[in-house]
Amino acid sequence: MTDREMEIAALAGHYSDADIGANLRISPRTVQNHISNGLRKTNTLTRQELFELVLQALGTQ
């Protein structure tokens, strides 16, 4: 995953696409694309699974 995908996935467990987009000054659709890419690259099925995997990888869980 790219750094940006990791950053967005780390927020995805707590915030909506619209909230993430507003905070990072990108469109909600761009957030959705980053989440979709992360799901595909990690073979996870839900954004919650992706969120937990990223937190584990970052060592913050």
C-alpha atoms as a PDB file:
ATOM      1  CA  MET A   1       0.000   0.000   0.000  1.00  0.00           C
ATOM      2  CA  THR A   2       1.079   3.546  -0.616  1.00  0.00           C
ATOM      3  CA  ASP A   3       1.655   5.960   2.238  1.00  0.00           C
ATOM      4  CA  ARG A   4      -1.521   7.816   1.268  1.00  0.00           C
ATOM      5  CA  GLU A   5      -3.576   4.605   1.237  1.00  0.00           C
ATOM      6  CA  MET A   6      -2.215   3.749   4.687  1.00  0.00           C
ATOM      7  CA  GLU A   7      -3.023   7.230   5.976  1.00  0.00           C
ATOM      8  CA  ILE A   8      -6.590   7.038   4.725  1.00  0.00           C
ATOM      9  CA  ALA A   9      -7.101   3.449   5.890  1.00  0.00           C
ATOM     10  CA  ALA A  10      -5.949   4.473   9.378  1.00  0.00           C
ATOM     11  CA  LEU A  11      -8.786   7.020   9.444  1.00  0.00           C
ATOM     12  CA  ALA A  12     -11.380   4.781   7.797  1.00  0.00           C
ATOM     13  CA  GLY A  13     -12.303   2.957  10.979  1.00  0.00           C
ATOM     14  CA  HIS A  14     -13.602   6.096  12.632  1.00  0.00           C
ATOM     15  CA  TYR A  15     -14.574   8.585   9.933  1.00  0.00           C
ATOM     16  CA  SER A  16     -16.756   8.735   6.828  1.00  0.00           C
ATOM     17  CA  ASP A  17     -15.349   9.263   3.354  1.00  0.00           C
ATOM     18  CA  ALA A  18     -16.754  12.804   3.412  1.00  0.00           C
ATOM     19  CA  ASP A  19     -15.073  13.573   6.750  1.00  0.00           C
ATOM     20  CA  ILE A  20     -11.727  12.143   5.630  1.00  0.00           C
ATOM     21  CA  GLY A  21     -11.944  14.026   2.354  1.00  0.00           C
ATOM     22  CA  ALA A  22     -12.730  17.310   4.063  1.00  0.00           C
ATOM     23  CA  ASN A  23      -9.850  16.856   6.502  1.00  0.00           C
ATOM     24  CA  LEU A  24      -7.336  15.944   3.790  1.00  0.00           C
ATOM     25  CA  ARG A  25      -8.807  18.343   1.214  1.00  0.00           C
ATOM     26  CA  ILE A  26      -9.586  15.642  -1.325  1.00  0.00           C
ATOM     27  CA  SER A  27     -12.926  14.468  -2.697  1.00  0.00           C
ATOM     28  CA  PRO A  28     -14.884  11.663  -1.016  1.00  0.00           C
ATOM     29  CA  ARG A  29     -14.555   9.743  -4.300  1.00  0.00           C
ATOM     30  CA  THR A  30     -10.756   9.918  -4.037  1.00  0.00           C
ATOM     31  CA  VAL A  31     -11.043   8.550  -0.498  1.00  0.00           C
ATOM     32  CA  GLN A  32     -13.208   5.697  -1.827  1.00  0.00           C
ATOM     33  CA  ASN A  33     -10.582   4.948  -4.485  1.00  0.00           C
ATOM     34  CA  HIS A  34      -7.803   4.770  -1.888  1.00  0.00           C
ATOM     35  CA  ILE A  35      -9.919   2.491   0.325  1.00  0.00           C
ATOM     36  CA  SER A  36     -10.763   0.248  -2.643  1.00  0.00           C
ATOM     37  CA  ASN A  37      -7.085   0.024  -3.603  1.00  0.00           C
ATOM     38  CA  GLY A  38      -6.165  -0.859  -0.023  1.00  0.00           C
ATOM     39  CA  LEU A  39      -8.859  -3.548   0.165  1.00  0.00           C
ATOM     40  CA  ARG A  40      -7.652  -5.087  -3.085  1.00  0.00           C
ATOM     41  CA  LYS A  41      -3.961  -4.980  -2.160  1.00  0.00           C
ATOM     42  CA  THR A  42      -4.502  -6.548   1.285  1.00  0.00           C
ATOM     43  CA  ASN A  43      -7.213  -9.032   0.275  1.00  0.00           C
ATOM     44  CA  THR A  44      -9.526  -7.662   2.955  1.00  0.00           C
ATOM     45  CA  LEU A  45     -13.279  -7.460   2.506  1.00  0.00           C
ATOM     46  CA  THR A  46     -14.332  -4.562   4.725  1.00  0.00           C
ATOM     47  CA  ARG A  47     -12.937  -1.177   5.630  1.00  0.00           C
ATOM     48  CA  GLN A  48     -12.932  -2.276   9.286  1.00  0.00           C
ATOM     49  CA  GLU A  49     -10.665  -5.230   8.431  1.00  0.00           C
ATOM     50  CA  LEU A  50      -8.425  -2.874   6.468  1.00  0.00           C
ATOM     51  CA  PHE A  51      -8.379  -0.398   9.363  1.00  0.00           C
ATOM     52  CA  GLU A  52      -7.360  -3.108  11.852  1.00  0.00           C
ATOM     53  CA  LEU A  53      -4.682  -4.481   9.529  1.00  0.00           C
ATOM     54  CA  VAL A  54      -3.162  -1.038   9.031  1.00  0.00           C
ATOM     55  CA  LEU A  55      -3.169  -0.303  12.761  1.00  0.00           C
ATOM     56  CA  GLN A  56      -1.440  -3.620  13.383  1.00  0.00           C
ATOM     57  CA  ALA A  57       1.149  -2.847  10.682  1.00  0.00           C
ATOM     58  CA  LEU A  58       1.766   0.570  12.208  1.00  0.00           C
ATOM     59  CA  GLY A  59       2.084  -0.966  15.655  1.00  0.00           C
ATOM     60  CA  THR A  60      -0.621   1.191  17.202  1.00  0.00           C
ATOM     61  CA  GLN A  61      -3.090  -1.481  18.229  1.00  0.00           C
END
